[in-house]
């Protein structure tokens, strides 16, 4: 009898211990990633997914060479597809607007195969390892994929000559842009941060007049044009997100983390072009200590996914 009682007590203790551990958000003291809410509270993946699925748009800010970012993007797409079905629309910074035709020829109309698409498209160098799995999932499940970014040649034109030169483009070229003139709000925190290392336009003009620009990164155009070239990318992505949503659609968009950090950039332009959408943001950031969200990353997004600084990278 004593042995039976002892066994029962041991099992009760063991079950209690397991139950306590199952309630801990993170039991691993060296996790590959940790999810936080914007106030720094621990969040489970399930909690994050439930919340972002109740929105209209999710803006996922990745680290371009981070394997956790790329794995989670695909996991989130799968999870949203399970909830939203054919109403899920996927889009990304990595595809420019003039790539939409061949994207549709490959994904929708089956006019070109995968190898033909790869050799005929402007693609990021890490597309095969980091982005192709999402395209393959989209194609195999009959989902829509939207190229949202401005063709980079026009962003460079803004940097070198100013946004007023967009007026001289052809009608076809303008069809890849938001309506002109493009609205800018350079008071957005991300744009102010981007401008911080550079001289003002007035200082730049003086440096140019004195022949002091040299061949550095600022020799190509005025500092404000550099920030506007960044802003026009965000404007284009925001515009083509909301203009590729039908009633009842859900849009999952991925891009570099700064393009939606601090609820700015793409987030701002979505609200500018089509106010009223319920938008959730996710930021992937790196820290040396992943078990405490740094003050710098508080309120950076609705959900902040922290990965270690020494995480393996997909390219260098």
C-alpha atoms as a PDB file:
ATOM      1  CA  UNK A   1       0.000   0.000   0.000  1.00  0.00           C
ATOM      2  CA  UNK A   2       2.826   2.397   0.908  1.00  0.00           C
ATOM      3  CA  UNK A   3       4.415   1.744  -2.479  1.00  0.00           C
ATOM      4  CA  UNK A   4       1.114   2.526  -4.252  1.00  0.00           C
ATOM      5  CA  UNK A   5       0.674   5.749  -2.278  1.00  0.00           C
ATOM      6  CA  UNK A   6       4.278   6.739  -2.995  1.00  0.00           C
ATOM      7  CA  UNK A   7       3.782   6.050  -6.699  1.00  0.00           C
ATOM      8  CA  UNK A   8       0.590   8.137  -6.768  1.00  0.00           C
ATOM      9  CA  UNK A   9       2.335  11.010  -4.985  1.00  0.00           C
ATOM     10  CA  UNK A  10       5.257  10.849  -7.407  1.00  0.00           C
ATOM     11  CA  UNK A  11       2.960  10.865 -10.440  1.00  0.00           C
ATOM     12  CA  UNK A  12       0.979  13.780  -9.011  1.00  0.00           C
ATOM     13  CA  UNK A  13       4.207  15.744  -8.498  1.00  0.00           C
ATOM     14  CA  UNK A  14       5.413  14.903 -12.012  1.00  0.00           C
ATOM     15  CA  UNK A  15       2.124  15.940 -13.643  1.00  0.00           C
ATOM     16  CA  UNK A  16       2.133  19.183 -11.667  1.00  0.00           C
ATOM     17  CA  UNK A  17       5.708  19.903 -12.724  1.00  0.00           C
ATOM     18  CA  UNK A  18       4.896  19.267 -16.396  1.00  0.00           C
ATOM     19  CA  UNK A  19       1.816  21.474 -16.152  1.00  0.00           C
ATOM     20  CA  UNK A  20       3.874  24.280 -14.635  1.00  0.00           C
ATOM     21  CA  UNK A  21       6.504  23.988 -17.342  1.00  0.00           C
ATOM     22  CA  UNK A  22       3.865  23.942 -20.083  1.00  0.00           C
ATOM     23  CA  UNK A  23       2.609  27.307 -18.852  1.00  0.00           C
ATOM     24  CA  UNK A  24       6.037  28.906 -19.181  1.00  0.00           C
ATOM     25  CA  UNK A  25       6.298  30.931 -22.375  1.00  0.00           C
ATOM     26  CA  UNK A  26       9.955  29.998 -22.920  1.00  0.00           C
ATOM     27  CA  UNK A  27      11.719  27.129 -21.149  1.00  0.00           C
ATOM     28  CA  UNK A  28      14.820  27.218 -23.373  1.00  0.00           C
ATOM     29  CA  UNK A  29      17.462  29.644 -22.113  1.00  0.00           C
ATOM     30  CA  UNK A  30      19.036  29.927 -25.587  1.00  0.00           C
ATOM     31  CA  UNK A  31      16.104  30.127 -28.026  1.00  0.00           C
ATOM     32  CA  UNK A  32      16.454  30.806 -31.739  1.00  0.00           C
ATOM     33  CA  UNK A  33      13.788  33.498 -31.468  1.00  0.00           C
ATOM     34  CA  UNK A  34      11.436  35.068 -28.936  1.00  0.00           C
ATOM     35  CA  UNK A  35       8.204  36.924 -29.731  1.00  0.00           C
ATOM     36  CA  UNK A  36       7.218  40.059 -27.818  1.00  0.00           C
ATOM     37  CA  UNK A  37       4.230  42.369 -27.924  1.00  0.00           C
ATOM     38  CA  UNK A  38       4.985  46.042 -28.437  1.00  0.00           C
ATOM     39  CA  UNK A  39       5.057  46.635 -24.669  1.00  0.00           C
ATOM     40  CA  UNK A  40       7.725  43.973 -24.162  1.00  0.00           C
ATOM     41  CA  UNK A  41       5.522  41.124 -22.914  1.00  0.00           C
ATOM     42  CA  UNK A  42       6.222  37.540 -23.980  1.00  0.00           C
ATOM     43  CA  UNK A  43       3.819  36.313 -26.672  1.00  0.00           C
ATOM     44  CA  UNK A  44       3.323  32.836 -28.080  1.00  0.00           C
ATOM     45  CA  UNK A  45       3.275  32.171 -31.797  1.00  0.00           C
ATOM     46  CA  UNK A  46      -0.358  31.057 -31.526  1.00  0.00           C
ATOM     47  CA  UNK A  47      -1.335  34.311 -29.819  1.00  0.00           C
ATOM     48  CA  UNK A  48       0.404  36.357 -32.501  1.00  0.00           C
ATOM     49  CA  UNK A  49      -1.222  34.383 -35.314  1.00  0.00           C
ATOM     50  CA  UNK A  50      -4.696  34.698 -33.801  1.00  0.00           C
ATOM     51  CA  UNK A  51      -4.330  38.461 -33.567  1.00  0.00           C
ATOM     52  CA  UNK A  52      -2.812  39.162 -36.973  1.00  0.00           C
ATOM     53  CA  UNK A  53      -5.395  36.907 -38.632  1.00  0.00           C
ATOM     54  CA  UNK A  54      -8.128  39.217 -37.306  1.00  0.00           C
ATOM     55  CA  UNK A  55      -6.641  42.172 -39.196  1.00  0.00           C
ATOM     56  CA  UNK A  56      -6.956  43.104 -42.881  1.00  0.00           C
ATOM     57  CA  UNK A  57      -3.249  43.518 -43.601  1.00  0.00           C
ATOM     58  CA  UNK A  58      -0.075  42.159 -42.045  1.00  0.00           C
ATOM     59  CA  UNK A  59       3.200  43.978 -42.702  1.00  0.00           C
ATOM     60  CA  UNK A  60       6.103  41.615 -41.980  1.00  0.00           C
ATOM     61  CA  UNK A  61       9.445  43.376 -41.622  1.00  0.00           C
ATOM     62  CA  UNK A  62      12.247  40.882 -42.170  1.00  0.00           C
ATOM     63  CA  UNK A  63      16.015  40.831 -41.873  1.00  0.00           C
ATOM     64  CA  UNK A  64      16.959  39.971 -45.441  1.00  0.00           C
ATOM     65  CA  UNK A  65      19.646  37.392 -44.621  1.00  0.00           C
ATOM     66  CA  UNK A  66      18.020  35.894 -41.540  1.00  0.00           C
ATOM     67  CA  UNK A  67      16.837  32.260 -41.803  1.00  0.00           C
ATOM     68  CA  UNK A  68      14.307  32.727 -38.986  1.00  0.00           C
ATOM     69  CA  UNK A  69      12.627  35.540 -40.942  1.00  0.00           C
ATOM     70  CA  UNK A  70      12.317  33.406 -44.050  1.00  0.00           C
ATOM     71  CA  UNK A  71      11.090  30.319 -42.222  1.00  0.00           C
ATOM     72  CA  UNK A  72       8.496  32.271 -40.238  1.00  0.00           C
ATOM     73  CA  UNK A  73       7.190  34.077 -43.341  1.00  0.00           C
ATOM     74  CA  UNK A  74       6.317  30.777 -44.950  1.00  0.00           C
ATOM     75  CA  UNK A  75       4.808  29.460 -41.713  1.00  0.00           C
ATOM     76  CA  UNK A  76       2.656  32.573 -41.387  1.00  0.00           C
ATOM     77  CA  UNK A  77       1.524  32.315 -45.022  1.00  0.00           C
ATOM     78  CA  UNK A  78       0.502  28.702 -44.398  1.00  0.00           C
ATOM     79  CA  UNK A  79      -1.352  29.659 -41.223  1.00  0.00           C
ATOM     80  CA  UNK A  80      -3.154  32.578 -42.846  1.00  0.00           C
ATOM     81  CA  UNK A  81      -4.065  30.445 -45.851  1.00  0.00           C
ATOM     82  CA  UNK A  82      -5.666  27.903 -43.521  1.00  0.00           C
ATOM     83  CA  UNK A  83      -7.819  30.696 -42.078  1.00  0.00           C
ATOM     84  CA  UNK A  84      -8.443  32.890 -45.128  1.00  0.00           C
ATOM     85  CA  UNK A  85      -8.418  30.443 -48.030  1.00  0.00           C
ATOM     86  CA  UNK A  86      -8.458  32.064 -51.467  1.00  0.00           C
ATOM     87  CA  UNK A  87      -8.935  35.515 -49.903  1.00  0.00           C
ATOM     88  CA  UNK A  88      -5.274  35.558 -48.948  1.00  0.00           C
ATOM     89  CA  UNK A  89      -3.122  37.810 -51.139  1.00  0.00           C
ATOM     90  CA  UNK A  90       0.667  37.834 -50.806  1.00  0.00           C
ATOM     91  CA  UNK A  91       3.045  40.571 -51.930  1.00  0.00           C
ATOM     92  CA  UNK A  92       6.607  41.704 -51.373  1.00  0.00           C
ATOM     93  CA  UNK A  93       9.204  44.430 -51.716  1.00  0.00           C
ATOM     94  CA  UNK A  94      11.515  42.053 -53.584  1.00  0.00           C
ATOM     95  CA  UNK A  95       9.365  42.132 -56.736  1.00  0.00           C
ATOM     96  CA  UNK A  96       9.039  45.362 -58.704  1.00  0.00           C
ATOM     97  CA  UNK A  97       5.866  46.471 -60.453  1.00  0.00           C
ATOM     98  CA  UNK A  98       7.184  45.835 -63.964  1.00  0.00           C
ATOM     99  CA  UNK A  99       7.711  42.190 -62.972  1.00  0.00           C
ATOM    100  CA  UNK A 100       3.980  41.575 -62.471  1.00  0.00           C
ATOM    101  CA  UNK A 101       3.323  40.456 -66.045  1.00  0.00           C
ATOM    102  CA  UNK A 102       5.793  37.584 -66.013  1.00  0.00           C
ATOM    103  CA  UNK A 103       4.795  36.714 -62.444  1.00  0.00           C
ATOM    104  CA  UNK A 104       1.212  36.241 -63.625  1.00  0.00           C
ATOM    105  CA  UNK A 105       2.382  34.347 -66.719  1.00  0.00           C
ATOM    106  CA  UNK A 106       4.134  31.881 -64.425  1.00  0.00           C
ATOM    107  CA  UNK A 107       1.804  31.747 -61.393  1.00  0.00           C
ATOM    108  CA  UNK A 108      -1.631  32.253 -62.937  1.00  0.00           C
ATOM    109  CA  UNK A 109      -1.573  31.399 -66.628  1.00  0.00           C
ATOM    110  CA  UNK A 110       1.126  28.676 -66.755  1.00  0.00           C
ATOM    111  CA  UNK A 111       2.641  30.292 -69.831  1.00  0.00           C
ATOM    112  CA  UNK A 112       6.211  30.051 -68.551  1.00  0.00           C
ATOM    113  CA  UNK A 113       7.837  27.425 -66.376  1.00  0.00           C
ATOM    114  CA  UNK A 114       9.989  28.043 -63.331  1.00  0.00           C
ATOM    115  CA  UNK A 115      13.411  28.055 -65.068  1.00  0.00           C
ATOM    116  CA  UNK A 116      12.134  30.425 -67.778  1.00  0.00           C
ATOM    117  CA  UNK A 117      10.740  32.728 -65.116  1.00  0.00           C
ATOM    118  CA  UNK A 118      14.036  32.732 -63.223  1.00  0.00           C
ATOM    119  CA  UNK A 119      16.140  33.601 -66.268  1.00  0.00           C
ATOM    120  CA  UNK A 120      13.712  36.264 -67.502  1.00  0.00           C
ATOM    121  CA  UNK A 121      13.148  38.201 -64.272  1.00  0.00           C
ATOM    122  CA  UNK A 122      14.886  40.778 -62.105  1.00  0.00           C
ATOM    123  CA  UNK A 123      15.473  38.816 -58.923  1.00  0.00           C
ATOM    124  CA  UNK A 124      17.332  39.292 -55.687  1.00  0.00           C
ATOM    125  CA  UNK A 125      20.451  37.098 -55.442  1.00  0.00           C
ATOM    126  CA  UNK A 126      18.985  35.067 -52.554  1.00  0.00           C
ATOM    127  CA  UNK A 127      15.630  34.452 -54.212  1.00  0.00           C
ATOM    128  CA  UNK A 128      16.081  30.706 -54.677  1.00  0.00           C
ATOM    129  CA  UNK A 129      16.878  29.925 -51.050  1.00  0.00           C
ATOM    130  CA  UNK A 130      14.880  32.598 -49.235  1.00  0.00           C
ATOM    131  CA  UNK A 131      11.903  33.625 -51.370  1.00  0.00           C
ATOM    132  CA  UNK A 132      11.193  30.918 -53.931  1.00  0.00           C
ATOM    133  CA  UNK A 133       9.501  28.636 -51.340  1.00  0.00           C
ATOM    134  CA  UNK A 134       6.765  31.252 -50.852  1.00  0.00           C
ATOM    135  CA  UNK A 135       6.268  31.609 -54.614  1.00  0.00           C
ATOM    136  CA  UNK A 136       6.008  27.839 -54.890  1.00  0.00           C
ATOM    137  CA  UNK A 137       3.436  27.718 -52.102  1.00  0.00           C
ATOM    138  CA  UNK A 138       1.426  30.528 -53.702  1.00  0.00           C
ATOM    139  CA  UNK A 139       1.440  28.788 -57.087  1.00  0.00           C
ATOM    140  CA  UNK A 140       0.563  25.345 -55.759  1.00  0.00           C
ATOM    141  CA  UNK A 141      -2.395  26.778 -53.832  1.00  0.00           C
ATOM    142  CA  UNK A 142      -3.707  29.161 -56.497  1.00  0.00           C
ATOM    143  CA  UNK A 143      -3.121  32.335 -54.468  1.00  0.00           C
ATOM    144  CA  UNK A 144      -2.434  35.792 -55.838  1.00  0.00           C
ATOM    145  CA  UNK A 145       1.051  37.287 -55.572  1.00  0.00           C
ATOM    146  CA  UNK A 146       1.582  41.021 -56.100  1.00  0.00           C
ATOM    147  CA  UNK A 147       4.818  42.754 -57.064  1.00  0.00           C
ATOM    148  CA  UNK A 148       4.558  45.964 -55.064  1.00  0.00           C
ATOM    149  CA  UNK A 149       7.855  47.861 -55.310  1.00  0.00           C
ATOM    150  CA  UNK A 150       8.796  50.710 -57.628  1.00  0.00           C
ATOM    151  CA  UNK A 151      11.198  49.732 -60.427  1.00  0.00           C
ATOM    152  CA  UNK A 152      14.585  50.607 -58.952  1.00  0.00           C
ATOM    153  CA  UNK A 153      15.590  52.713 -61.973  1.00  0.00           C
ATOM    154  CA  UNK A 154      12.881  55.230 -61.071  1.00  0.00           C
ATOM    155  CA  UNK A 155      13.935  55.344 -57.418  1.00  0.00           C
ATOM    156  CA  UNK A 156      17.466  56.128 -58.647  1.00  0.00           C
ATOM    157  CA  UNK A 157      16.067  58.833 -60.913  1.00  0.00           C
ATOM    158  CA  UNK A 158      14.465  60.495 -57.889  1.00  0.00           C
ATOM    159  CA  UNK A 159      17.758  60.355 -56.010  1.00  0.00           C
ATOM    160  CA  UNK A 160      19.796  61.811 -58.846  1.00  0.00           C
ATOM    161  CA  UNK A 161      17.390  64.354 -60.308  1.00  0.00           C
ATOM    162  CA  UNK A 162      14.473  64.780 -57.894  1.00  0.00           C
ATOM    163  CA  UNK A 163      10.862  63.527 -57.889  1.00  0.00           C
ATOM    164  CA  UNK A 164       9.751  66.192 -60.382  1.00  0.00           C
ATOM    165  CA  UNK A 165      11.467  64.172 -63.136  1.00  0.00           C
ATOM    166  CA  UNK A 166       8.839  61.461 -62.769  1.00  0.00           C
ATOM    167  CA  UNK A 167       6.493  63.724 -64.745  1.00  0.00           C
ATOM    168  CA  UNK A 168       8.630  63.171 -67.853  1.00  0.00           C
ATOM    169  CA  UNK A 169       8.122  59.389 -67.830  1.00  0.00           C
ATOM    170  CA  UNK A 170       5.926  57.604 -70.353  1.00  0.00           C
ATOM    171  CA  UNK A 171       2.389  56.566 -69.500  1.00  0.00           C
ATOM    172  CA  UNK A 172       3.539  52.939 -69.287  1.00  0.00           C
ATOM    173  CA  UNK A 173       6.295  53.874 -66.825  1.00  0.00           C
ATOM    174  CA  UNK A 174       3.844  55.911 -64.753  1.00  0.00           C
ATOM    175  CA  UNK A 175       1.564  52.874 -64.522  1.00  0.00           C
ATOM    176  CA  UNK A 176       4.186  51.316 -62.243  1.00  0.00           C
ATOM    177  CA  UNK A 177       3.968  54.232 -59.801  1.00  0.00           C
ATOM    178  CA  UNK A 178       1.406  55.684 -57.412  1.00  0.00           C
ATOM    179  CA  UNK A 179      -0.557  58.653 -58.792  1.00  0.00           C
ATOM    180  CA  UNK A 180       1.629  61.701 -59.387  1.00  0.00           C
ATOM    181  CA  UNK A 181       2.611  63.930 -57.709  1.00  0.00           C
ATOM    182  CA  UNK A 182       3.652  61.536 -54.956  1.00  0.00           C
ATOM    183  CA  UNK A 183       2.927  62.724 -51.454  1.00  0.00           C
ATOM    184  CA  UNK A 184       5.909  62.914 -49.072  1.00  0.00           C
ATOM    185  CA  UNK A 185       6.002  63.268 -45.310  1.00  0.00           C
ATOM    186  CA  UNK A 186       9.670  63.421 -44.405  1.00  0.00           C
ATOM    187  CA  UNK A 187       8.757  64.062 -40.760  1.00  0.00           C
ATOM    188  CA  UNK A 188       8.118  60.333 -40.376  1.00  0.00           C
ATOM    189  CA  UNK A 189      10.556  59.030 -37.752  1.00  0.00           C
ATOM    190  CA  UNK A 190      12.132  56.452 -40.058  1.00  0.00           C
ATOM    191  CA  UNK A 191      12.908  59.085 -42.699  1.00  0.00           C
ATOM    192  CA  UNK A 192      14.337  61.461 -40.104  1.00  0.00           C
ATOM    193  CA  UNK A 193      16.546  58.645 -38.830  1.00  0.00           C
ATOM    194  CA  UNK A 194      17.673  57.898 -42.367  1.00  0.00           C
ATOM    195  CA  UNK A 195      18.585  61.564 -42.953  1.00  0.00           C
ATOM    196  CA  UNK A 196      20.554  61.942 -39.701  1.00  0.00           C
ATOM    197  CA  UNK A 197      24.018  60.906 -40.993  1.00  0.00           C
ATOM    198  CA  UNK A 198      23.850  63.217 -44.002  1.00  0.00           C
ATOM    199  CA  UNK A 199      24.200  66.987 -44.429  1.00  0.00           C
ATOM    200  CA  UNK A 200      21.180  69.184 -45.066  1.00  0.00           C
ATOM    201  CA  UNK A 201      20.390  70.180 -48.639  1.00  0.00           C
ATOM    202  CA  UNK A 202      21.833  73.634 -47.941  1.00  0.00           C
ATOM    203  CA  UNK A 203      25.066  72.146 -46.593  1.00  0.00           C
ATOM    204  CA  UNK A 204      25.216  69.796 -49.578  1.00  0.00           C
ATOM    205  CA  UNK A 205      24.789  72.688 -52.018  1.00  0.00           C
ATOM    206  CA  UNK A 206      27.657  74.515 -50.327  1.00  0.00           C
ATOM    207  CA  UNK A 207      29.869  71.418 -50.415  1.00  0.00           C
ATOM    208  CA  UNK A 208      29.099  70.958 -54.113  1.00  0.00           C
ATOM    209  CA  UNK A 209      29.899  74.596 -54.895  1.00  0.00           C
ATOM    210  CA  UNK A 210      33.237  74.209 -53.121  1.00  0.00           C
ATOM    211  CA  UNK A 211      34.036  70.899 -54.813  1.00  0.00           C
ATOM    212  CA  UNK A 212      34.032  68.957 -51.532  1.00  0.00           C
ATOM    213  CA  UNK A 213      31.586  66.169 -52.383  1.00  0.00           C
ATOM    214  CA  UNK A 214      34.189  63.776 -53.762  1.00  0.00           C
ATOM    215  CA  UNK A 215      32.943  60.341 -54.854  1.00  0.00           C
ATOM    216  CA  UNK A 216      31.168  59.281 -51.681  1.00  0.00           C
ATOM    217  CA  UNK A 217      27.545  58.113 -51.306  1.00  0.00           C
ATOM    218  CA  UNK A 218      26.261  61.688 -51.293  1.00  0.00           C
ATOM    219  CA  UNK A 219      27.885  62.701 -54.574  1.00  0.00           C
ATOM    220  CA  UNK A 220      24.952  61.444 -56.660  1.00  0.00           C
ATOM    221  CA  UNK A 221      22.102  63.627 -55.426  1.00  0.00           C
ATOM    222  CA  UNK A 222      20.778  65.931 -52.722  1.00  0.00           C
ATOM    223  CA  UNK A 223      20.188  64.369 -49.282  1.00  0.00           C
ATOM    224  CA  UNK A 224      16.452  65.057 -49.348  1.00  0.00           C
ATOM    225  CA  UNK A 225      16.215  63.196 -52.664  1.00  0.00           C
ATOM    226  CA  UNK A 226      17.833  60.153 -51.078  1.00  0.00           C
ATOM    227  CA  UNK A 227      15.115  60.103 -48.416  1.00  0.00           C
ATOM    228  CA  UNK A 228      12.413  60.742 -51.020  1.00  0.00           C
ATOM    229  CA  UNK A 229      13.702  57.815 -53.077  1.00  0.00           C
ATOM    230  CA  UNK A 230      13.171  55.646 -50.000  1.00  0.00           C
ATOM    231  CA  UNK A 231       9.755  57.158 -49.361  1.00  0.00           C
ATOM    232  CA  UNK A 232       8.582  56.543 -52.925  1.00  0.00           C
ATOM    233  CA  UNK A 233       9.313  52.841 -52.442  1.00  0.00           C
ATOM    234  CA  UNK A 234       7.037  52.870 -49.396  1.00  0.00           C
ATOM    235  CA  UNK A 235       4.395  54.882 -51.225  1.00  0.00           C
ATOM    236  CA  UNK A 236       4.426  52.447 -54.147  1.00  0.00           C
ATOM    237  CA  UNK A 237       4.177  49.413 -51.880  1.00  0.00           C
ATOM    238  CA  UNK A 238       1.387  50.939 -49.798  1.00  0.00           C
ATOM    239  CA  UNK A 239      -0.559  51.997 -52.905  1.00  0.00           C
ATOM    240  CA  UNK A 240      -0.341  48.616 -54.621  1.00  0.00           C
ATOM    241  CA  UNK A 241      -1.239  46.746 -51.445  1.00  0.00           C
ATOM    242  CA  UNK A 242      -4.567  48.528 -51.026  1.00  0.00           C
ATOM    243  CA  UNK A 243      -5.269  48.579 -54.776  1.00  0.00           C
ATOM    244  CA  UNK A 244      -4.947  44.812 -55.029  1.00  0.00           C
ATOM    245  CA  UNK A 245      -7.436  44.027 -52.277  1.00  0.00           C
ATOM    246  CA  UNK A 246     -11.009  43.113 -53.036  1.00  0.00           C
ATOM    247  CA  UNK A 247     -13.720  43.069 -50.399  1.00  0.00           C
ATOM    248  CA  UNK A 248     -12.956  40.351 -47.881  1.00  0.00           C
ATOM    249  CA  UNK A 249      -9.317  39.950 -48.928  1.00  0.00           C
ATOM    250  CA  UNK A 250      -6.417  39.669 -46.516  1.00  0.00           C
ATOM    251  CA  UNK A 251      -3.008  40.968 -47.613  1.00  0.00           C
ATOM    252  CA  UNK A 252       0.264  39.562 -46.229  1.00  0.00           C
ATOM    253  CA  UNK A 253       3.212  41.718 -47.284  1.00  0.00           C
ATOM    254  CA  UNK A 254       6.892  41.170 -46.515  1.00  0.00           C
ATOM    255  CA  UNK A 255       9.757  43.622 -46.849  1.00  0.00           C
ATOM    256  CA  UNK A 256      12.861  44.932 -45.094  1.00  0.00           C
ATOM    257  CA  UNK A 257      12.156  45.740 -41.468  1.00  0.00           C
ATOM    258  CA  UNK A 258      12.670  49.501 -41.794  1.00  0.00           C
ATOM    259  CA  UNK A 259       9.825  49.703 -44.319  1.00  0.00           C
ATOM    260  CA  UNK A 260       7.233  49.316 -41.543  1.00  0.00           C
ATOM    261  CA  UNK A 261       9.195  49.904 -38.312  1.00  0.00           C
ATOM    262  CA  UNK A 262       7.607  52.183 -35.713  1.00  0.00           C
ATOM    263  CA  UNK A 263       4.292  52.112 -37.605  1.00  0.00           C
ATOM    264  CA  UNK A 264       5.706  54.331 -40.343  1.00  0.00           C
ATOM    265  CA  UNK A 265       6.637  54.092 -44.032  1.00  0.00           C
ATOM    266  CA  UNK A 266       4.356  51.502 -45.725  1.00  0.00           C
ATOM    267  CA  UNK A 267       2.021  51.681 -42.719  1.00  0.00           C
ATOM    268  CA  UNK A 268       1.738  55.450 -43.182  1.00  0.00           C
ATOM    269  CA  UNK A 269       1.064  55.212 -46.917  1.00  0.00           C
ATOM    270  CA  UNK A 270      -1.611  52.539 -46.564  1.00  0.00           C
ATOM    271  CA  UNK A 271      -3.481  54.901 -44.268  1.00  0.00           C
ATOM    272  CA  UNK A 272      -2.827  57.788 -46.654  1.00  0.00           C
ATOM    273  CA  UNK A 273      -4.195  56.019 -49.745  1.00  0.00           C
ATOM    274  CA  UNK A 274      -6.983  53.999 -48.105  1.00  0.00           C
ATOM    275  CA  UNK A 275      -7.635  54.855 -44.446  1.00  0.00           C
ATOM    276  CA  UNK A 276      -9.634  52.465 -42.299  1.00  0.00           C
ATOM    277  CA  UNK A 277      -7.747  49.197 -42.713  1.00  0.00           C
ATOM    278  CA  UNK A 278      -6.882  47.136 -39.664  1.00  0.00           C
ATOM    279  CA  UNK A 279      -3.106  46.704 -39.997  1.00  0.00           C
ATOM    280  CA  UNK A 280      -0.833  44.539 -37.868  1.00  0.00           C
ATOM    281  CA  UNK A 281       2.935  44.849 -38.049  1.00  0.00           C
ATOM    282  CA  UNK A 282       5.693  42.359 -37.274  1.00  0.00           C
ATOM    283  CA  UNK A 283       9.358  43.340 -36.949  1.00  0.00           C
ATOM    284  CA  UNK A 284      12.270  40.914 -36.856  1.00  0.00           C
ATOM    285  CA  UNK A 285      15.196  42.450 -34.975  1.00  0.00           C
ATOM    286  CA  UNK A 286      18.547  41.211 -33.657  1.00  0.00           C
ATOM    287  CA  UNK A 287      19.826  41.490 -30.109  1.00  0.00           C
ATOM    288  CA  UNK A 288      22.672  39.972 -28.114  1.00  0.00           C
ATOM    289  CA  UNK A 289      20.162  39.007 -25.394  1.00  0.00           C
ATOM    290  CA  UNK A 290      16.912  37.671 -26.809  1.00  0.00           C
ATOM    291  CA  UNK A 291      15.232  37.052 -23.438  1.00  0.00           C
ATOM    292  CA  UNK A 292      14.646  40.751 -22.737  1.00  0.00           C
ATOM    293  CA  UNK A 293      13.314  43.216 -25.287  1.00  0.00           C
ATOM    294  CA  UNK A 294      15.597  46.257 -25.428  1.00  0.00           C
ATOM    295  CA  UNK A 295      14.120  49.698 -24.850  1.00  0.00           C
ATOM    296  CA  UNK A 296      15.090  50.677 -28.395  1.00  0.00           C
ATOM    297  CA  UNK A 297      12.765  47.999 -29.761  1.00  0.00           C
ATOM    298  CA  UNK A 298       9.743  48.715 -27.561  1.00  0.00           C
ATOM    299  CA  UNK A 299       6.728  49.858 -29.613  1.00  0.00           C
ATOM    300  CA  UNK A 300       8.599  49.049 -32.831  1.00  0.00           C
ATOM    301  CA  UNK A 301       5.720  46.884 -34.097  1.00  0.00           C
ATOM    302  CA  UNK A 302       2.655  45.048 -32.830  1.00  0.00           C
ATOM    303  CA  UNK A 303       4.908  41.995 -32.570  1.00  0.00           C
ATOM    304  CA  UNK A 304       8.686  42.062 -32.289  1.00  0.00           C
ATOM    305  CA  UNK A 305      10.512  38.828 -33.075  1.00  0.00           C
ATOM    306  CA  UNK A 306      13.992  38.884 -31.571  1.00  0.00           C
ATOM    307  CA  UNK A 307      16.735  36.637 -32.965  1.00  0.00           C
ATOM    308  CA  UNK A 308      20.303  36.408 -31.655  1.00  0.00           C
ATOM    309  CA  UNK A 309      22.992  38.621 -33.117  1.00  0.00           C
ATOM    310  CA  UNK A 310      25.040  35.532 -33.890  1.00  0.00           C
ATOM    311  CA  UNK A 311      22.264  33.741 -35.765  1.00  0.00           C
ATOM    312  CA  UNK A 312      23.493  32.009 -38.928  1.00  0.00           C
ATOM    313  CA  UNK A 313      22.822  34.019 -42.092  1.00  0.00           C
ATOM    314  CA  UNK A 314      21.610  32.908 -45.511  1.00  0.00           C
ATOM    315  CA  UNK A 315      24.163  35.075 -47.332  1.00  0.00           C
ATOM    316  CA  UNK A 316      26.880  37.643 -46.571  1.00  0.00           C
END
